[in-house]
C-alpha atoms as a PDB file:
ATOM      1  CA  MET A   1     -31.441  33.288  79.534  1.00  0.00           C
ATOM      2  CA  PRO A   2     -30.827  32.689  83.215  1.00  0.00           C
ATOM      3  CA  SER A   3     -27.363  31.028  83.878  1.00  0.00           C
ATOM      4  CA  ILE A   4     -24.803  30.233  86.439  1.00  0.00           C
ATOM      5  CA  SER A   5     -21.099  30.059  86.259  1.00  0.00           C
ATOM      6  CA  PHE A   6     -18.939  28.410  88.945  1.00  0.00           C
ATOM      7  CA  SER A   7     -15.260  27.428  90.004  1.00  0.00           C
ATOM      8  CA  ARG A   8     -15.039  24.790  92.410  1.00  0.00           C
ATOM      9  CA  SER A   9     -12.196  23.204  94.032  1.00  0.00           C
ATOM     10  CA  ILE A  10     -13.088  19.355  94.762  1.00  0.00           C
ATOM     11  CA  ALA A  11     -10.851  17.562  97.360  1.00  0.00           C
ATOM     12  CA  ALA A  12      -9.547  14.108  96.596  1.00  0.00           C
ATOM     13  CA  GLY A  13     -12.043  11.357  96.339  1.00  0.00           C
ATOM     14  CA  ALA A  14     -15.004  14.010  96.954  1.00  0.00           C
ATOM     15  CA  THR A  15     -18.121  14.264  95.021  1.00  0.00           C
ATOM     16  CA  ASP A  16     -19.332  17.943  94.685  1.00  0.00           C
ATOM     17  CA  PHE A  17     -23.045  19.313  93.609  1.00  0.00           C
ATOM     18  CA  PRO A  18     -22.448  22.907  92.490  1.00  0.00           C
ATOM     19  CA  LEU A  19     -25.998  24.019  92.004  1.00  0.00           C
ATOM     20  CA  SER A  20     -27.120  22.728  95.206  1.00  0.00           C
ATOM     21  CA  ALA A  21     -24.183  24.360  97.084  1.00  0.00           C
ATOM     22  CA  LEU A  22     -24.783  27.543  95.381  1.00  0.00           C
ATOM     23  CA  ALA A  23     -28.370  27.664  96.157  1.00  0.00           C
ATOM     24  CA  TRP A  24     -29.081  28.580  92.447  1.00  0.00           C
ATOM     25  CA  ALA A  25     -32.728  29.952  91.738  1.00  0.00           C
ATOM     26  CA  PHE A  26     -33.151  27.753  88.527  1.00  0.00           C
ATOM     27  CA  GLU A  27     -32.013  24.706  90.042  1.00  0.00           C
ATOM     28  CA  GLN A  28     -35.824  23.522  89.912  1.00  0.00           C
ATOM     29  CA  LEU A  29     -37.087  24.818  86.354  1.00  0.00           C
ATOM     30  CA  PRO A  30     -39.816  27.420  86.505  1.00  0.00           C
ATOM     31  CA  TYR A  31     -40.665  26.235  82.673  1.00  0.00           C
ATOM     32  CA  PRO A  32     -39.588  23.830  79.727  1.00  0.00           C
ATOM     33  CA  ALA A  33     -36.128  24.631  78.773  1.00  0.00           C
ATOM     34  CA  VAL A  34     -33.181  23.887  76.775  1.00  0.00           C
ATOM     35  CA  VAL A  35     -30.273  23.445  79.319  1.00  0.00           C
ATOM     36  CA  ARG A  36     -26.433  23.540  78.276  1.00  0.00           C
ATOM     37  CA  VAL A  37     -23.883  22.511  80.780  1.00  0.00           C
ATOM     38  CA  PHE A  38     -20.214  23.450  80.065  1.00  0.00           C
ATOM     39  CA  LEU A  39     -17.566  21.835  82.548  1.00  0.00           C
ATOM     40  CA  ARG A  40     -13.677  22.016  82.218  1.00  0.00           C
ATOM     41  CA  THR A  41     -11.132  20.760  84.861  1.00  0.00           C
ATOM     42  CA  THR A  42      -7.509  21.752  85.407  1.00  0.00           C
ATOM     43  CA  ALA A  43      -6.427  18.276  85.286  1.00  0.00           C
ATOM     44  CA  VAL A  44      -7.655  14.728  83.982  1.00  0.00           C
ATOM     45  CA  GLY A  45      -9.371  12.873  86.922  1.00  0.00           C
ATOM     46  CA  VAL A  46     -12.974  14.317  87.414  1.00  0.00           C
ATOM     47  CA  LEU A  47     -16.126  12.444  86.491  1.00  0.00           C
ATOM     48  CA  ALA A  48     -19.330  14.250  85.876  1.00  0.00           C
ATOM     49  CA  ARG A  49     -22.975  12.909  86.236  1.00  0.00           C
ATOM     50  CA  ILE A  50     -26.027  15.147  84.949  1.00  0.00           C
ATOM     51  CA  GLN A  51     -29.759  14.485  85.805  1.00  0.00           C
ATOM     52  CA  THR A  52     -33.003  16.157  85.258  1.00  0.00           C
ATOM     53  CA  GLY A  53     -35.749  15.032  87.394  1.00  0.00           C
ATOM     54  CA  SER A  54     -35.548  11.178  87.309  1.00  0.00           C
ATOM     55  CA  GLU A  55     -33.937  11.002  83.925  1.00  0.00           C
ATOM     56  CA  MET A  56     -30.183  10.297  83.753  1.00  0.00           C
ATOM     57  CA  VAL A  57     -28.648  12.919  80.976  1.00  0.00           C
ATOM     58  CA  GLN A  58     -25.133  12.054  81.377  1.00  0.00           C
ATOM     59  CA  ASP A  59     -24.005   9.002  83.323  1.00  0.00           C
ATOM     60  CA  GLU A  60     -20.333   9.460  84.766  1.00  0.00           C
ATOM     61  CA  THR A  61     -18.157  10.652  82.053  1.00  0.00           C
ATOM     62  CA  PRO A  62     -14.850  12.218  82.141  1.00  0.00           C
ATOM     63  CA  VAL A  63     -14.655  16.208  82.385  1.00  0.00           C
ATOM     64  CA  GLN A  64     -12.690  17.690  79.490  1.00  0.00           C
ATOM     65  CA  SER A  65      -9.030  18.770  81.005  1.00  0.00           C
ATOM     66  CA  GLY A  66      -6.703  21.336  80.073  1.00  0.00           C
ATOM     67  CA  GLY A  67      -8.394  24.408  81.583  1.00  0.00           C
ATOM     68  CA  THR A  68      -7.384  27.197  83.678  1.00  0.00           C
ATOM     69  CA  ALA A  69      -8.618  27.629  87.311  1.00  0.00           C
ATOM     70  CA  GLY A  70     -11.269  30.603  87.328  1.00  0.00           C
ATOM     71  CA  VAL A  71     -11.542  30.619  83.530  1.00  0.00           C
ATOM     72  CA  THR A  72     -15.208  30.180  82.579  1.00  0.00           C
ATOM     73  CA  PRO A  73     -15.803  27.616  79.938  1.00  0.00           C
ATOM     74  CA  SER A  74     -17.411  28.829  76.618  1.00  0.00           C
ATOM     75  CA  GLN A  75     -18.622  27.119  73.161  1.00  0.00           C
ATOM     76  CA  LEU A  76     -15.199  28.192  72.011  1.00  0.00           C
ATOM     77  CA  ASN A  77     -13.370  25.889  74.140  1.00  0.00           C
ATOM     78  CA  THR A  78     -15.771  23.394  75.535  1.00  0.00           C
ATOM     79  CA  THR A  79     -18.564  21.358  73.903  1.00  0.00           C
ATOM     80  CA  PRO A  80     -21.591  21.419  76.301  1.00  0.00           C
ATOM     81  CA  THR A  81     -23.939  18.838  77.075  1.00  0.00           C
ATOM     82  CA  GLU A  82     -27.368  19.976  75.905  1.00  0.00           C
ATOM     83  CA  PHE A  83     -30.655  18.787  76.578  1.00  0.00           C
ATOM     84  CA  VAL A  84     -34.374  19.349  77.162  1.00  0.00           C
ATOM     85  CA  ALA A  85     -35.964  19.417  80.333  1.00  0.00           C
ATOM     86  CA  PRO A  86     -39.447  19.734  81.448  1.00  0.00           C
ATOM     87  CA  HIS A  87     -40.934  22.264  83.882  1.00  0.00           C
ATOM     88  CA  GLY A  88     -40.628  21.458  87.371  1.00  0.00           C
ATOM     89  CA  ASP A  89     -37.672  19.100  86.916  1.00  0.00           C
ATOM     90  CA  ARG A  90     -34.848  19.709  89.424  1.00  0.00           C
ATOM     91  CA  LEU A  91     -31.236  19.983  87.533  1.00  0.00           C
ATOM     92  CA  SER A  92     -28.478  18.009  89.151  1.00  0.00           C
ATOM     93  CA  VAL A  93     -24.894  18.042  88.166  1.00  0.00           C
ATOM     94  CA  ALA A  94     -22.489  15.669  90.482  1.00  0.00           C
ATOM     95  CA  MET A  95     -18.560  15.898  89.915  1.00  0.00           C
ATOM     96  CA  ARG A  96     -16.240  13.430  91.498  1.00  0.00           C
ATOM     97  CA  ASN A  97     -12.790  13.914  91.727  1.00  0.00           C
ATOM     98  CA  THR A  98     -11.014  10.225  91.066  1.00  0.00           C
ATOM     99  CA  THR A  99      -7.345  11.277  92.092  1.00  0.00           C
ATOM    100  CA  GLY A 100      -5.162  11.689  95.035  1.00  0.00           C
ATOM    101  CA  GLY A 101      -5.187  15.534  95.101  1.00  0.00           C
ATOM    102  CA  ALA A 102      -7.561  18.439  95.044  1.00  0.00           C
ATOM    103  CA  LEU A 103      -8.640  19.675  91.457  1.00  0.00           C
ATOM    104  CA  THR A 104     -10.725  22.564  90.041  1.00  0.00           C
ATOM    105  CA  VAL A 105     -13.668  22.309  87.829  1.00  0.00           C
ATOM    106  CA  ASP A 106     -15.045  25.563  86.226  1.00  0.00           C
ATOM    107  CA  GLY A 107     -18.445  25.287  84.800  1.00  0.00           C
ATOM    108  CA  LEU A 108     -21.408  27.312  82.909  1.00  0.00           C
ATOM    109  CA  VAL A 109     -25.287  26.129  83.141  1.00  0.00           C
ATOM    110  CA  GLN A 110     -27.414  27.984  80.894  1.00  0.00           C
ATOM    111  CA  VAL A 111     -31.080  27.468  80.810  1.00  0.00           C
ATOM    112  CA  GLU A 112     -33.037  28.902  77.869  1.00  0.00           C
END
């Protein structure tokens, strides 16, 4: 099962696209897949939007806070956003920091 984990610092008022920034090989799905996205931030104030192709899976929604920077979220401490995506769709995770300071978001994306 392909997966990618990341820890990204997002500046005040900035938006980050971790899958594009990291040039993940599975950003464009090579086969139909069940996708799980785990996101956790160090403090309140980050909104996440998840898309696959032209389908909006999750509109801007607050990211779970209480995480520790550098610790990959898992099913033990973070509820994933889970969905089915067709072959060829491009996965997009956009994280927007709405606060006045930098925040860290840790994430894990699994493709099955």
